[in-house]
Amino acid sequence: MQSRKEKSHPPSPMEFGSMPLDPIYAWGIVLEPVETLIERTSDFIEQLARETYERGEEFGDEELEQRFLAFFDRLVQEGTLTRLPDADPAMGRRILGPRRWLRAQRIRINRLVAYWREHGGPA
């Protein structure tokens, strides 16, 4: 089995554990189709990682939250996703809540950045 260091490609955000990418767990936002949501959110995390790598500093909590919320709104406006009525916010907060959800995404971003620093940058 290859170690992470020997891999020829960076890990995808989905490889970083089971913390949900779905915003229902942070803000109670219900978006469908879920498969598209997960794929596009994973791509967006990679984009945020590239920005973090290039500027050399992390996003603050407020900026990261604004970026994700704007991203989800944009996908709905483009017709890529459909927003259904929001779930009870208490449901998502019991599981993760906004701060823990954002922290999980920051971990994904930072792991990609660390990989790129070790392997000469993003492809």
N, C-alpha and C. Protein backbone atom coordinates (compact mmCIF):
# COMPACT_ATOMS: atom_id res chain seq x y z
N MET A 1 0.84 -1.18 0.00
CA MET A 1 0.00 0.00 0.00
C MET A 1 0.88 1.24 0.00
N GLN A 2 0.52 2.20 -0.84
CA GLN A 2 1.33 3.42 -0.94
C GLN A 2 1.05 4.34 0.24
N SER A 3 2.07 5.01 0.69
CA SER A 3 1.86 6.04 1.71
C SER A 3 1.38 7.30 1.00
N ARG A 4 0.85 8.24 1.74
CA ARG A 4 0.37 9.49 1.16
C ARG A 4 1.50 10.19 0.41
N LYS A 5 2.72 10.12 0.93
CA LYS A 5 3.86 10.78 0.33
C LYS A 5 4.16 10.23 -1.07
N GLU A 6 3.89 8.97 -1.29
CA GLU A 6 4.21 8.33 -2.56
C GLU A 6 3.13 8.51 -3.61
N LYS A 7 1.98 9.02 -3.23
CA LYS A 7 0.90 9.20 -4.19
C LYS A 7 1.31 10.23 -5.24
N SER A 8 0.90 9.98 -6.47
CA SER A 8 1.24 10.91 -7.53
C SER A 8 0.22 12.03 -7.67
N HIS A 9 -0.87 11.97 -6.95
CA HIS A 9 -1.88 13.02 -7.00
C HIS A 9 -2.24 13.44 -5.58
N PRO A 10 -2.66 14.71 -5.44
CA PRO A 10 -3.03 15.16 -4.09
C PRO A 10 -4.30 14.47 -3.63
N PRO A 11 -4.46 14.37 -2.32
CA PRO A 11 -5.70 13.78 -1.80
C PRO A 11 -6.88 14.68 -2.15
N SER A 12 -8.01 14.10 -2.41
CA SER A 12 -9.20 14.90 -2.67
C SER A 12 -9.81 15.30 -1.33
N PRO A 13 -10.59 16.38 -1.30
CA PRO A 13 -11.23 16.75 -0.04
C PRO A 13 -12.09 15.64 0.55
N MET A 14 -12.58 14.74 -0.29
CA MET A 14 -13.40 13.64 0.21
C MET A 14 -12.57 12.62 0.99
N GLU A 15 -11.26 12.61 0.78
CA GLU A 15 -10.41 11.65 1.47
C GLU A 15 -10.12 12.05 2.91
N PHE A 16 -10.59 13.21 3.34
CA PHE A 16 -10.22 13.74 4.64
C PHE A 16 -11.18 13.38 5.74
N GLY A 17 -11.76 12.23 5.67
CA GLY A 17 -12.61 11.80 6.75
C GLY A 17 -14.08 11.95 6.44
N SER A 18 -14.86 11.70 7.44
CA SER A 18 -16.30 11.61 7.23
C SER A 18 -17.05 12.88 7.60
N MET A 19 -16.38 13.94 7.98
CA MET A 19 -17.10 15.17 8.31
C MET A 19 -17.91 15.60 7.09
N PRO A 20 -19.18 15.86 7.25
CA PRO A 20 -20.05 16.15 6.12
C PRO A 20 -19.68 17.42 5.36
N LEU A 21 -19.88 17.36 4.05
CA LEU A 21 -19.73 18.54 3.20
C LEU A 21 -21.07 19.26 3.03
N ASP A 22 -22.15 18.63 3.43
CA ASP A 22 -23.49 19.16 3.24
C ASP A 22 -23.76 20.29 4.24
N PRO A 23 -24.22 21.47 3.76
CA PRO A 23 -24.46 22.60 4.67
C PRO A 23 -25.66 22.42 5.59
N ILE A 24 -26.42 21.36 5.42
CA ILE A 24 -27.52 21.10 6.35
C ILE A 24 -26.97 20.92 7.77
N TYR A 25 -25.74 20.41 7.87
CA TYR A 25 -25.13 20.15 9.17
C TYR A 25 -24.57 21.41 9.84
N ALA A 26 -24.53 22.51 9.09
CA ALA A 26 -24.04 23.76 9.65
C ALA A 26 -25.17 24.76 9.84
N TRP A 27 -25.92 25.01 8.77
CA TRP A 27 -26.92 26.08 8.79
C TRP A 27 -28.35 25.59 8.57
N GLY A 28 -28.55 24.28 8.37
CA GLY A 28 -29.88 23.76 8.10
C GLY A 28 -30.32 23.99 6.66
N ILE A 29 -29.38 24.36 5.79
CA ILE A 29 -29.68 24.62 4.37
C ILE A 29 -29.82 23.27 3.66
N VAL A 30 -30.95 23.08 2.99
CA VAL A 30 -31.22 21.82 2.30
C VAL A 30 -31.11 22.06 0.79
N LEU A 31 -30.12 21.41 0.18
CA LEU A 31 -29.86 21.55 -1.26
C LEU A 31 -29.88 20.19 -1.92
N GLU A 32 -30.41 20.13 -3.14
CA GLU A 32 -30.45 18.88 -3.90
C GLU A 32 -30.08 19.16 -5.35
N PRO A 33 -29.59 18.20 -6.10
CA PRO A 33 -29.30 16.84 -5.67
C PRO A 33 -28.03 16.78 -4.82
N VAL A 34 -28.06 15.93 -3.82
CA VAL A 34 -26.97 15.84 -2.85
C VAL A 34 -25.66 15.44 -3.52
N GLU A 35 -25.71 14.53 -4.49
CA GLU A 35 -24.48 14.08 -5.17
C GLU A 35 -23.77 15.26 -5.84
N THR A 36 -24.55 16.12 -6.50
CA THR A 36 -23.99 17.30 -7.15
C THR A 36 -23.45 18.27 -6.11
N LEU A 37 -24.20 18.46 -5.03
CA LEU A 37 -23.77 19.33 -3.94
C LEU A 37 -22.41 18.90 -3.41
N ILE A 38 -22.25 17.62 -3.13
CA ILE A 38 -21.00 17.11 -2.57
C ILE A 38 -19.85 17.28 -3.56
N GLU A 39 -20.09 16.96 -4.81
CA GLU A 39 -19.05 17.09 -5.83
C GLU A 39 -18.62 18.55 -6.00
N ARG A 40 -19.57 19.45 -6.12
CA ARG A 40 -19.25 20.86 -6.32
C ARG A 40 -18.61 21.47 -5.08
N THR A 41 -19.06 21.07 -3.89
CA THR A 41 -18.46 21.58 -2.65
C THR A 41 -17.02 21.10 -2.53
N SER A 42 -16.76 19.87 -2.90
CA SER A 42 -15.41 19.34 -2.89
C SER A 42 -14.51 20.15 -3.83
N ASP A 43 -15.02 20.46 -5.02
CA ASP A 43 -14.26 21.29 -5.97
C ASP A 43 -14.01 22.68 -5.41
N PHE A 44 -15.02 23.24 -4.73
CA PHE A 44 -14.88 24.57 -4.15
C PHE A 44 -13.83 24.59 -3.05
N ILE A 45 -13.78 23.53 -2.26
CA ILE A 45 -12.75 23.43 -1.22
C ILE A 45 -11.37 23.43 -1.85
N GLU A 46 -11.22 22.72 -2.96
CA GLU A 46 -9.93 22.74 -3.66
C GLU A 46 -9.60 24.15 -4.15
N GLN A 47 -10.60 24.86 -4.66
CA GLN A 47 -10.38 26.25 -5.09
C GLN A 47 -9.94 27.12 -3.92
N LEU A 48 -10.59 26.97 -2.77
CA LEU A 48 -10.20 27.73 -1.58
C LEU A 48 -8.79 27.37 -1.13
N ALA A 49 -8.43 26.10 -1.27
CA ALA A 49 -7.08 25.67 -0.92
C ALA A 49 -6.05 26.33 -1.83
N ARG A 50 -6.36 26.42 -3.12
CA ARG A 50 -5.44 27.09 -4.06
C ARG A 50 -5.26 28.56 -3.67
N GLU A 51 -6.36 29.22 -3.32
CA GLU A 51 -6.27 30.62 -2.89
C GLU A 51 -5.44 30.74 -1.62
N THR A 52 -5.66 29.85 -0.68
CA THR A 52 -4.89 29.85 0.57
C THR A 52 -3.41 29.63 0.28
N TYR A 53 -3.11 28.69 -0.60
CA TYR A 53 -1.72 28.39 -0.97
C TYR A 53 -1.08 29.63 -1.59
N GLU A 54 -1.78 30.27 -2.51
CA GLU A 54 -1.22 31.42 -3.23
C GLU A 54 -1.03 32.63 -2.33
N ARG A 55 -1.95 32.88 -1.43
CA ARG A 55 -1.82 34.07 -0.60
C ARG A 55 -1.03 33.82 0.68
N GLY A 56 -0.83 32.55 1.03
CA GLY A 56 0.01 32.21 2.16
C GLY A 56 -0.63 32.41 3.52
N GLU A 57 -1.93 32.54 3.58
CA GLU A 57 -2.61 32.65 4.86
C GLU A 57 -4.02 32.09 4.76
N GLU A 58 -4.52 31.63 5.91
CA GLU A 58 -5.85 31.04 5.97
C GLU A 58 -6.93 32.09 5.89
N PHE A 59 -8.12 31.65 5.54
CA PHE A 59 -9.30 32.51 5.61
C PHE A 59 -9.74 32.59 7.06
N GLY A 60 -10.20 33.76 7.49
CA GLY A 60 -10.81 33.89 8.81
C GLY A 60 -12.17 33.21 8.82
N ASP A 61 -12.70 32.94 10.00
CA ASP A 61 -13.99 32.26 10.12
C ASP A 61 -15.11 33.00 9.38
N GLU A 62 -15.20 34.30 9.58
CA GLU A 62 -16.29 35.06 8.96
C GLU A 62 -16.17 35.05 7.44
N GLU A 63 -14.96 35.24 6.93
CA GLU A 63 -14.77 35.23 5.49
C GLU A 63 -15.07 33.85 4.91
N LEU A 64 -14.62 32.81 5.58
CA LEU A 64 -14.87 31.45 5.10
C LEU A 64 -16.38 31.16 5.08
N GLU A 65 -17.07 31.57 6.12
CA GLU A 65 -18.52 31.36 6.16
C GLU A 65 -19.20 32.12 5.03
N GLN A 66 -18.82 33.37 4.82
CA GLN A 66 -19.41 34.17 3.74
C GLN A 66 -19.14 33.54 2.38
N ARG A 67 -17.92 33.04 2.19
CA ARG A 67 -17.56 32.42 0.90
C ARG A 67 -18.42 31.18 0.64
N PHE A 68 -18.60 30.33 1.66
CA PHE A 68 -19.42 29.13 1.47
C PHE A 68 -20.88 29.49 1.22
N LEU A 69 -21.44 30.40 2.00
CA LEU A 69 -22.84 30.77 1.81
C LEU A 69 -23.08 31.38 0.43
N ALA A 70 -22.15 32.23 -0.01
CA ALA A 70 -22.27 32.81 -1.36
C ALA A 70 -22.15 31.74 -2.44
N PHE A 71 -21.26 30.77 -2.22
CA PHE A 71 -21.09 29.66 -3.15
C PHE A 71 -22.39 28.86 -3.29
N PHE A 72 -23.01 28.52 -2.16
CA PHE A 72 -24.26 27.76 -2.21
C PHE A 72 -25.36 28.57 -2.90
N ASP A 73 -25.44 29.87 -2.58
CA ASP A 73 -26.44 30.74 -3.24
C ASP A 73 -26.22 30.77 -4.75
N ARG A 74 -24.96 30.86 -5.16
CA ARG A 74 -24.63 30.93 -6.59
C ARG A 74 -25.06 29.64 -7.31
N LEU A 75 -24.83 28.48 -6.68
CA LEU A 75 -25.23 27.22 -7.30
C LEU A 75 -26.75 27.14 -7.47
N VAL A 76 -27.48 27.71 -6.53
CA VAL A 76 -28.94 27.74 -6.64
C VAL A 76 -29.35 28.70 -7.76
N GLN A 77 -28.75 29.88 -7.79
CA GLN A 77 -29.09 30.87 -8.82
C GLN A 77 -28.78 30.36 -10.23
N GLU A 78 -27.69 29.58 -10.37
CA GLU A 78 -27.31 29.01 -11.67
C GLU A 78 -28.24 27.87 -12.08
N GLY A 79 -29.01 27.34 -11.13
CA GLY A 79 -29.87 26.21 -11.42
C GLY A 79 -29.17 24.87 -11.25
N THR A 80 -27.94 24.88 -10.74
CA THR A 80 -27.19 23.64 -10.51
C THR A 80 -27.82 22.85 -9.37
N LEU A 81 -28.26 23.58 -8.33
CA LEU A 81 -28.90 22.96 -7.16
C LEU A 81 -30.26 23.59 -6.93
N THR A 82 -31.10 22.87 -6.25
CA THR A 82 -32.41 23.37 -5.83
C THR A 82 -32.40 23.49 -4.31
N ARG A 83 -32.83 24.65 -3.83
CA ARG A 83 -32.91 24.84 -2.38
C ARG A 83 -34.33 24.50 -1.92
N LEU A 84 -34.41 23.56 -1.03
CA LEU A 84 -35.68 23.17 -0.43
C LEU A 84 -35.86 23.94 0.87
N PRO A 85 -37.03 23.86 1.49
CA PRO A 85 -37.19 24.55 2.78
C PRO A 85 -36.10 24.12 3.76
N ASP A 86 -35.58 25.09 4.50
CA ASP A 86 -34.51 24.81 5.46
C ASP A 86 -34.98 23.82 6.52
N ALA A 87 -34.04 23.03 6.97
CA ALA A 87 -34.29 22.11 8.09
C ALA A 87 -34.27 22.93 9.37
N ASP A 88 -34.79 22.36 10.42
CA ASP A 88 -34.73 22.99 11.72
C ASP A 88 -33.27 23.24 12.07
N PRO A 89 -32.86 24.50 12.27
CA PRO A 89 -31.44 24.78 12.55
C PRO A 89 -30.89 24.02 13.74
N ALA A 90 -31.73 23.69 14.69
CA ALA A 90 -31.27 22.95 15.87
C ALA A 90 -30.77 21.57 15.48
N MET A 91 -31.34 20.99 14.40
CA MET A 91 -30.91 19.66 13.96
C MET A 91 -29.44 19.68 13.55
N GLY A 92 -29.06 20.63 12.69
CA GLY A 92 -27.67 20.72 12.25
C GLY A 92 -26.72 21.08 13.37
N ARG A 93 -27.15 21.97 14.24
CA ARG A 93 -26.29 22.39 15.35
C ARG A 93 -26.02 21.25 16.31
N ARG A 94 -26.98 20.36 16.47
CA ARG A 94 -26.76 19.20 17.35
C ARG A 94 -25.67 18.30 16.79
N ILE A 95 -25.61 18.23 15.47
CA ILE A 95 -24.62 17.36 14.83
C ILE A 95 -23.27 18.07 14.74
N LEU A 96 -23.25 19.25 14.14
CA LEU A 96 -22.00 20.00 13.98
C LEU A 96 -22.15 21.47 14.34
N GLY A 97 -23.03 22.15 13.64
CA GLY A 97 -23.14 23.60 13.79
C GLY A 97 -22.14 24.29 12.88
N PRO A 98 -22.35 25.59 12.65
CA PRO A 98 -21.50 26.31 11.69
C PRO A 98 -20.01 26.29 12.01
N ARG A 99 -19.63 26.54 13.24
CA ARG A 99 -18.20 26.64 13.58
C ARG A 99 -17.47 25.32 13.36
N ARG A 100 -18.07 24.22 13.82
CA ARG A 100 -17.41 22.91 13.65
C ARG A 100 -17.41 22.49 12.18
N TRP A 101 -18.48 22.80 11.45
CA TRP A 101 -18.53 22.49 10.02
C TRP A 101 -17.42 23.25 9.29
N LEU A 102 -17.30 24.54 9.59
CA LEU A 102 -16.24 25.34 8.96
C LEU A 102 -14.85 24.84 9.35
N ARG A 103 -14.69 24.44 10.59
CA ARG A 103 -13.39 23.90 11.03
C ARG A 103 -13.04 22.64 10.23
N ALA A 104 -14.04 21.79 9.97
CA ALA A 104 -13.79 20.58 9.17
C ALA A 104 -13.35 20.95 7.76
N GLN A 105 -13.97 21.99 7.18
CA GLN A 105 -13.57 22.40 5.83
C GLN A 105 -12.18 23.02 5.85
N ARG A 106 -11.86 23.77 6.91
CA ARG A 106 -10.53 24.37 7.03
C ARG A 106 -9.47 23.27 7.12
N ILE A 107 -9.78 22.18 7.82
CA ILE A 107 -8.85 21.05 7.90
C ILE A 107 -8.60 20.50 6.49
N ARG A 108 -9.66 20.33 5.73
CA ARG A 108 -9.51 19.84 4.35
C ARG A 108 -8.63 20.79 3.54
N ILE A 109 -8.90 22.08 3.65
CA ILE A 109 -8.13 23.09 2.91
C ILE A 109 -6.66 23.02 3.32
N ASN A 110 -6.40 23.00 4.62
CA ASN A 110 -5.02 23.01 5.11
C ASN A 110 -4.26 21.74 4.73
N ARG A 111 -4.94 20.62 4.67
CA ARG A 111 -4.26 19.38 4.27
C ARG A 111 -3.87 19.43 2.79
N LEU A 112 -4.72 20.00 1.96
CA LEU A 112 -4.35 20.16 0.55
C LEU A 112 -3.16 21.12 0.42
N VAL A 113 -3.21 22.23 1.14
CA VAL A 113 -2.12 23.20 1.09
C VAL A 113 -0.82 22.55 1.55
N ALA A 114 -0.86 21.79 2.63
CA ALA A 114 0.34 21.11 3.13
C ALA A 114 0.87 20.13 2.08
N TYR A 115 -0.03 19.40 1.43
CA TYR A 115 0.39 18.46 0.38
C TYR A 115 1.11 19.22 -0.74
N TRP A 116 0.51 20.32 -1.19
CA TRP A 116 1.11 21.09 -2.28
C TRP A 116 2.46 21.69 -1.88
N ARG A 117 2.57 22.13 -0.64
CA ARG A 117 3.86 22.67 -0.19
C ARG A 117 4.95 21.59 -0.22
N GLU A 118 4.55 20.39 0.15
CA GLU A 118 5.49 19.27 0.18
C GLU A 118 5.83 18.77 -1.22
N HIS A 119 4.91 18.93 -2.17
CA HIS A 119 5.09 18.36 -3.50
C HIS A 119 5.21 19.41 -4.61
N GLY A 120 5.55 20.63 -4.27
CA GLY A 120 5.84 21.63 -5.30
C GLY A 120 4.65 22.37 -5.88
N GLY A 121 3.55 22.42 -5.18
CA GLY A 121 2.42 23.22 -5.63
C GLY A 121 1.33 22.44 -6.30
N PRO A 122 0.19 23.11 -6.51
CA PRO A 122 -0.94 22.45 -7.18
C PRO A 122 -0.62 22.19 -8.64
N ALA A 123 -1.28 21.19 -9.20
CA ALA A 123 -1.05 20.84 -10.61
C ALA A 123 -1.66 21.86 -11.52
